[in-house]
Amino acid sequence: MEELFLNKLAEAYQTYDASIIEDYLADDMHYASMWVFHEMTSKQEYMDYLTVKLQTLKEHGVRMEFQIIQGRMHEKALLVTNQQSPDGSFGFVADFNEEGKVKMLNITAQAFF
């Protein structure tokens, strides 16, 4: 489940289409970034944010590449491997609820995978 979702998240970023991951998210999911103080606390809030973010990336021609890697604290992580971060220093990790939906999504430094 973890690897499937992370691949879908990569696909959403690569096609600029947030709807690809919508069905994988719990309604009360949280999204946090280690670089932003505010933690989002609902699927709707995150989907609104992601839709705008992906549109902005598309408008600026930003192409992102990803790689699924083994984590230390998470079984799998989605490492960002684009030209803006050639050292692959950040990416995404997800935690799931009992129904297999994402309850927590973090964008964080690779050291915290």
N, C-alpha and C. Protein backbone atom coordinates (compact mmCIF):
# COMPACT_ATOMS: atom_id res chain seq x y z
N MET A 1 0.83 -1.20 0.00
CA MET A 1 0.00 0.00 0.00
C MET A 1 0.87 1.26 0.00
N GLU A 2 1.91 1.28 0.81
CA GLU A 2 2.78 2.44 0.92
C GLU A 2 3.44 2.77 -0.43
N GLU A 3 4.01 1.74 -1.06
CA GLU A 3 4.70 1.96 -2.33
C GLU A 3 3.70 2.37 -3.43
N LEU A 4 2.52 1.79 -3.44
CA LEU A 4 1.49 2.15 -4.41
C LEU A 4 1.14 3.64 -4.27
N PHE A 5 0.87 4.07 -3.04
CA PHE A 5 0.52 5.47 -2.84
C PHE A 5 1.66 6.40 -3.25
N LEU A 6 2.89 6.09 -2.85
CA LEU A 6 4.02 6.95 -3.19
C LEU A 6 4.21 7.04 -4.71
N ASN A 7 3.99 5.95 -5.41
CA ASN A 7 4.05 5.99 -6.88
C ASN A 7 2.94 6.87 -7.45
N LYS A 8 1.75 6.81 -6.87
CA LYS A 8 0.64 7.66 -7.31
C LYS A 8 0.94 9.13 -7.02
N LEU A 9 1.57 9.41 -5.89
CA LEU A 9 1.95 10.78 -5.56
C LEU A 9 2.96 11.31 -6.58
N ALA A 10 3.93 10.50 -6.94
CA ALA A 10 4.90 10.88 -7.97
C ALA A 10 4.17 11.15 -9.29
N GLU A 11 3.23 10.29 -9.64
CA GLU A 11 2.46 10.47 -10.88
C GLU A 11 1.68 11.79 -10.84
N ALA A 12 1.10 12.12 -9.70
CA ALA A 12 0.36 13.38 -9.57
C ALA A 12 1.28 14.58 -9.85
N TYR A 13 2.47 14.54 -9.29
CA TYR A 13 3.42 15.63 -9.52
C TYR A 13 3.91 15.66 -10.97
N GLN A 14 4.10 14.51 -11.56
CA GLN A 14 4.62 14.46 -12.93
C GLN A 14 3.58 14.84 -13.97
N THR A 15 2.31 14.65 -13.65
CA THR A 15 1.23 14.99 -14.60
C THR A 15 0.47 16.24 -14.16
N TYR A 16 0.86 16.81 -13.03
CA TYR A 16 0.23 18.03 -12.49
C TYR A 16 -1.25 17.80 -12.21
N ASP A 17 -1.61 16.61 -11.72
CA ASP A 17 -3.00 16.23 -11.51
C ASP A 17 -3.20 15.70 -10.09
N ALA A 18 -3.66 16.56 -9.20
CA ALA A 18 -3.86 16.19 -7.79
C ALA A 18 -4.91 15.11 -7.61
N SER A 19 -5.88 15.02 -8.52
CA SER A 19 -6.98 14.07 -8.34
C SER A 19 -6.50 12.61 -8.31
N ILE A 20 -5.32 12.35 -8.81
CA ILE A 20 -4.77 10.98 -8.84
C ILE A 20 -4.67 10.39 -7.45
N ILE A 21 -4.41 11.21 -6.44
CA ILE A 21 -4.22 10.67 -5.08
C ILE A 21 -5.42 10.86 -4.17
N GLU A 22 -6.44 11.57 -4.62
CA GLU A 22 -7.57 11.92 -3.75
C GLU A 22 -8.19 10.72 -3.04
N ASP A 23 -8.41 9.63 -3.74
CA ASP A 23 -9.05 8.46 -3.15
C ASP A 23 -8.17 7.74 -2.13
N TYR A 24 -6.90 8.05 -2.09
CA TYR A 24 -5.97 7.41 -1.16
C TYR A 24 -5.90 8.13 0.18
N LEU A 25 -6.52 9.30 0.29
CA LEU A 25 -6.39 10.14 1.48
C LEU A 25 -7.59 9.99 2.41
N ALA A 26 -7.31 9.89 3.70
CA ALA A 26 -8.38 9.90 4.70
C ALA A 26 -8.93 11.33 4.80
N ASP A 27 -10.21 11.45 5.11
CA ASP A 27 -10.83 12.78 5.21
C ASP A 27 -10.14 13.66 6.25
N ASP A 28 -9.65 13.04 7.32
CA ASP A 28 -9.01 13.80 8.41
C ASP A 28 -7.48 13.72 8.34
N MET A 29 -6.95 13.49 7.15
CA MET A 29 -5.50 13.37 6.99
C MET A 29 -4.82 14.70 7.34
N HIS A 30 -3.55 14.57 7.70
CA HIS A 30 -2.72 15.74 7.99
C HIS A 30 -1.56 15.77 7.00
N TYR A 31 -1.11 16.98 6.68
CA TYR A 31 0.06 17.18 5.82
C TYR A 31 0.97 18.18 6.51
N ALA A 32 2.24 17.82 6.61
CA ALA A 32 3.20 18.70 7.26
C ALA A 32 4.48 18.77 6.44
N SER A 33 5.08 19.93 6.49
CA SER A 33 6.38 20.16 5.87
C SER A 33 7.32 20.67 6.96
N MET A 34 8.53 20.14 6.98
CA MET A 34 9.47 20.59 8.00
C MET A 34 9.90 22.04 7.75
N TRP A 35 9.56 22.58 6.59
CA TRP A 35 9.95 23.96 6.25
C TRP A 35 8.81 24.96 6.40
N VAL A 36 7.61 24.48 6.78
CA VAL A 36 6.45 25.35 6.92
C VAL A 36 5.83 25.11 8.29
N PHE A 37 5.49 26.20 8.99
CA PHE A 37 4.95 26.09 10.34
C PHE A 37 3.56 25.46 10.37
N HIS A 38 2.70 25.82 9.43
CA HIS A 38 1.30 25.37 9.43
C HIS A 38 1.17 23.90 9.01
N GLU A 39 0.46 23.12 9.80
CA GLU A 39 0.14 21.74 9.43
C GLU A 39 -1.30 21.69 8.95
N MET A 40 -1.50 21.15 7.76
CA MET A 40 -2.86 21.01 7.22
C MET A 40 -3.55 19.84 7.92
N THR A 41 -4.86 19.97 8.15
CA THR A 41 -5.54 18.98 8.97
C THR A 41 -6.77 18.35 8.32
N SER A 42 -6.84 18.43 6.98
CA SER A 42 -7.95 17.75 6.31
C SER A 42 -7.58 17.43 4.87
N LYS A 43 -8.25 16.43 4.36
CA LYS A 43 -8.08 16.05 2.95
C LYS A 43 -8.41 17.23 2.04
N GLN A 44 -9.51 17.93 2.32
CA GLN A 44 -9.93 19.05 1.46
C GLN A 44 -8.89 20.16 1.46
N GLU A 45 -8.36 20.49 2.63
CA GLU A 45 -7.34 21.54 2.71
C GLU A 45 -6.10 21.14 1.90
N TYR A 46 -5.67 19.90 2.04
CA TYR A 46 -4.49 19.45 1.31
C TYR A 46 -4.74 19.40 -0.19
N MET A 47 -5.91 18.90 -0.60
CA MET A 47 -6.22 18.83 -2.03
C MET A 47 -6.27 20.24 -2.65
N ASP A 48 -6.84 21.20 -1.94
CA ASP A 48 -6.87 22.58 -2.43
C ASP A 48 -5.44 23.10 -2.60
N TYR A 49 -4.61 22.87 -1.60
CA TYR A 49 -3.21 23.29 -1.65
C TYR A 49 -2.47 22.62 -2.81
N LEU A 50 -2.61 21.30 -2.91
CA LEU A 50 -1.87 20.55 -3.92
C LEU A 50 -2.29 20.94 -5.33
N THR A 51 -3.58 21.16 -5.54
CA THR A 51 -4.07 21.57 -6.85
C THR A 51 -3.41 22.87 -7.29
N VAL A 52 -3.35 23.85 -6.41
CA VAL A 52 -2.71 25.13 -6.72
C VAL A 52 -1.21 24.96 -6.91
N LYS A 53 -0.58 24.18 -6.04
CA LYS A 53 0.87 23.95 -6.15
C LYS A 53 1.23 23.31 -7.48
N LEU A 54 0.50 22.29 -7.87
CA LEU A 54 0.79 21.60 -9.13
C LEU A 54 0.56 22.51 -10.33
N GLN A 55 -0.48 23.34 -10.27
CA GLN A 55 -0.73 24.30 -11.35
C GLN A 55 0.43 25.29 -11.47
N THR A 56 0.94 25.75 -10.34
CA THR A 56 2.08 26.68 -10.33
C THR A 56 3.33 26.01 -10.90
N LEU A 57 3.58 24.77 -10.50
CA LEU A 57 4.73 24.03 -11.04
C LEU A 57 4.60 23.88 -12.55
N LYS A 58 3.39 23.57 -13.01
CA LYS A 58 3.15 23.41 -14.46
C LYS A 58 3.39 24.72 -15.20
N GLU A 59 2.87 25.82 -14.65
CA GLU A 59 3.04 27.12 -15.29
C GLU A 59 4.51 27.53 -15.41
N HIS A 60 5.33 27.09 -14.45
CA HIS A 60 6.75 27.43 -14.46
C HIS A 60 7.62 26.35 -15.11
N GLY A 61 6.98 25.33 -15.65
CA GLY A 61 7.72 24.28 -16.36
C GLY A 61 8.62 23.44 -15.47
N VAL A 62 8.26 23.33 -14.20
CA VAL A 62 9.07 22.53 -13.26
C VAL A 62 8.75 21.06 -13.45
N ARG A 63 9.75 20.28 -13.77
CA ARG A 63 9.62 18.83 -13.91
C ARG A 63 10.30 18.19 -12.71
N MET A 64 9.61 17.29 -12.07
CA MET A 64 10.16 16.62 -10.90
C MET A 64 10.32 15.13 -11.21
N GLU A 65 11.40 14.58 -10.75
CA GLU A 65 11.66 13.15 -10.87
C GLU A 65 11.68 12.57 -9.46
N PHE A 66 11.28 11.31 -9.36
CA PHE A 66 11.15 10.68 -8.05
C PHE A 66 11.73 9.28 -8.08
N GLN A 67 12.08 8.81 -6.90
CA GLN A 67 12.58 7.44 -6.75
C GLN A 67 12.06 6.90 -5.42
N ILE A 68 11.50 5.70 -5.45
CA ILE A 68 11.10 5.02 -4.21
C ILE A 68 12.37 4.43 -3.59
N ILE A 69 12.58 4.74 -2.32
CA ILE A 69 13.77 4.22 -1.62
C ILE A 69 13.35 3.59 -0.30
N GLN A 70 14.24 2.79 0.26
CA GLN A 70 14.03 2.23 1.59
C GLN A 70 14.28 3.32 2.62
N GLY A 71 13.43 3.39 3.61
CA GLY A 71 13.63 4.34 4.69
C GLY A 71 14.13 3.63 5.94
N ARG A 72 14.53 4.41 6.90
CA ARG A 72 14.91 3.84 8.20
C ARG A 72 13.72 3.86 9.15
N MET A 73 12.99 4.98 9.17
CA MET A 73 11.83 5.12 10.04
C MET A 73 10.53 4.73 9.34
N HIS A 74 10.53 4.75 8.02
CA HIS A 74 9.40 4.31 7.19
C HIS A 74 9.93 3.24 6.25
N GLU A 75 9.09 2.26 5.97
CA GLU A 75 9.53 1.18 5.08
C GLU A 75 9.94 1.74 3.71
N LYS A 76 9.14 2.65 3.19
CA LYS A 76 9.41 3.25 1.88
C LYS A 76 9.30 4.77 1.98
N ALA A 77 10.00 5.46 1.11
CA ALA A 77 9.93 6.91 1.02
C ALA A 77 10.02 7.29 -0.45
N LEU A 78 9.51 8.47 -0.77
CA LEU A 78 9.55 8.98 -2.14
C LEU A 78 10.57 10.11 -2.19
N LEU A 79 11.72 9.82 -2.75
CA LEU A 79 12.82 10.78 -2.82
C LEU A 79 12.66 11.65 -4.06
N VAL A 80 12.77 12.96 -3.89
CA VAL A 80 12.74 13.88 -5.02
C VAL A 80 14.14 13.93 -5.62
N THR A 81 14.22 13.67 -6.93
CA THR A 81 15.52 13.58 -7.59
C THR A 81 15.60 14.52 -8.80
N ASN A 82 15.02 15.72 -8.69
CA ASN A 82 15.03 16.65 -9.82
C ASN A 82 16.26 17.55 -9.79
N GLN A 83 16.39 18.37 -10.81
CA GLN A 83 17.55 19.23 -10.93
C GLN A 83 17.62 20.29 -9.83
N GLN A 84 16.49 20.63 -9.22
CA GLN A 84 16.50 21.62 -8.13
C GLN A 84 17.11 21.05 -6.85
N SER A 85 17.18 19.73 -6.76
CA SER A 85 17.79 19.10 -5.57
C SER A 85 18.66 17.93 -6.02
N PRO A 86 19.77 18.22 -6.67
CA PRO A 86 20.59 17.15 -7.23
C PRO A 86 21.14 16.18 -6.18
N ASP A 87 21.21 16.61 -4.93
CA ASP A 87 21.69 15.71 -3.89
C ASP A 87 20.59 14.83 -3.32
N GLY A 88 19.35 15.00 -3.80
CA GLY A 88 18.24 14.18 -3.33
C GLY A 88 18.03 14.32 -1.84
N SER A 89 17.92 15.55 -1.38
CA SER A 89 17.92 15.79 0.05
C SER A 89 16.54 15.82 0.71
N PHE A 90 15.45 15.68 -0.06
CA PHE A 90 14.14 15.70 0.56
C PHE A 90 13.17 14.80 -0.20
N GLY A 91 12.03 14.57 0.43
CA GLY A 91 11.02 13.73 -0.18
C GLY A 91 9.82 13.56 0.73
N PHE A 92 9.01 12.54 0.44
CA PHE A 92 7.75 12.32 1.14
C PHE A 92 7.75 10.98 1.87
N VAL A 93 7.11 10.97 3.03
CA VAL A 93 6.81 9.73 3.76
C VAL A 93 5.35 9.80 4.18
N ALA A 94 4.71 8.63 4.26
CA ALA A 94 3.28 8.58 4.57
C ALA A 94 3.01 7.54 5.65
N ASP A 95 2.01 7.84 6.48
CA ASP A 95 1.50 6.90 7.47
C ASP A 95 0.04 6.63 7.11
N PHE A 96 -0.42 5.42 7.38
CA PHE A 96 -1.75 4.99 6.97
C PHE A 96 -2.62 4.62 8.16
N ASN A 97 -3.94 4.80 8.01
CA ASN A 97 -4.88 4.37 9.05
C ASN A 97 -5.27 2.91 8.85
N GLU A 98 -6.17 2.43 9.66
CA GLU A 98 -6.58 1.02 9.62
C GLU A 98 -7.27 0.66 8.31
N GLU A 99 -7.87 1.64 7.64
CA GLU A 99 -8.54 1.39 6.36
C GLU A 99 -7.58 1.47 5.17
N GLY A 100 -6.31 1.72 5.43
CA GLY A 100 -5.33 1.81 4.35
C GLY A 100 -5.29 3.16 3.66
N LYS A 101 -5.89 4.17 4.28
CA LYS A 101 -5.86 5.54 3.73
C LYS A 101 -4.75 6.33 4.41
N VAL A 102 -4.21 7.29 3.67
CA VAL A 102 -3.14 8.14 4.23
C VAL A 102 -3.71 9.00 5.33
N LYS A 103 -3.13 8.87 6.54
CA LYS A 103 -3.56 9.71 7.65
C LYS A 103 -2.55 10.83 7.92
N MET A 104 -1.31 10.64 7.46
CA MET A 104 -0.28 11.66 7.66
C MET A 104 0.68 11.61 6.48
N LEU A 105 0.92 12.75 5.86
CA LEU A 105 1.88 12.87 4.78
C LEU A 105 2.86 13.96 5.16
N ASN A 106 4.14 13.63 5.12
CA ASN A 106 5.19 14.58 5.46
C ASN A 106 6.10 14.78 4.29
N ILE A 107 6.49 16.04 4.06
CA ILE A 107 7.61 16.33 3.17
C ILE A 107 8.73 16.75 4.11
N THR A 108 9.85 16.06 3.99
CA THR A 108 10.88 16.21 5.00
C THR A 108 12.26 15.94 4.43
N ALA A 109 13.27 16.24 5.19
CA ALA A 109 14.64 15.94 4.80
C ALA A 109 14.86 14.44 4.76
N GLN A 110 15.72 14.00 3.86
CA GLN A 110 15.99 12.57 3.69
C GLN A 110 16.44 11.91 4.99
N ALA A 111 17.07 12.64 5.87
CA ALA A 111 17.53 12.08 7.15
C ALA A 111 16.38 11.56 8.00
N PHE A 112 15.16 12.02 7.75
CA PHE A 112 14.00 11.62 8.54
C PHE A 112 13.13 10.56 7.86
N PHE A 113 13.62 9.95 6.81
CA PHE A 113 12.89 8.88 6.15
C PHE A 113 12.91 7.63 7.01
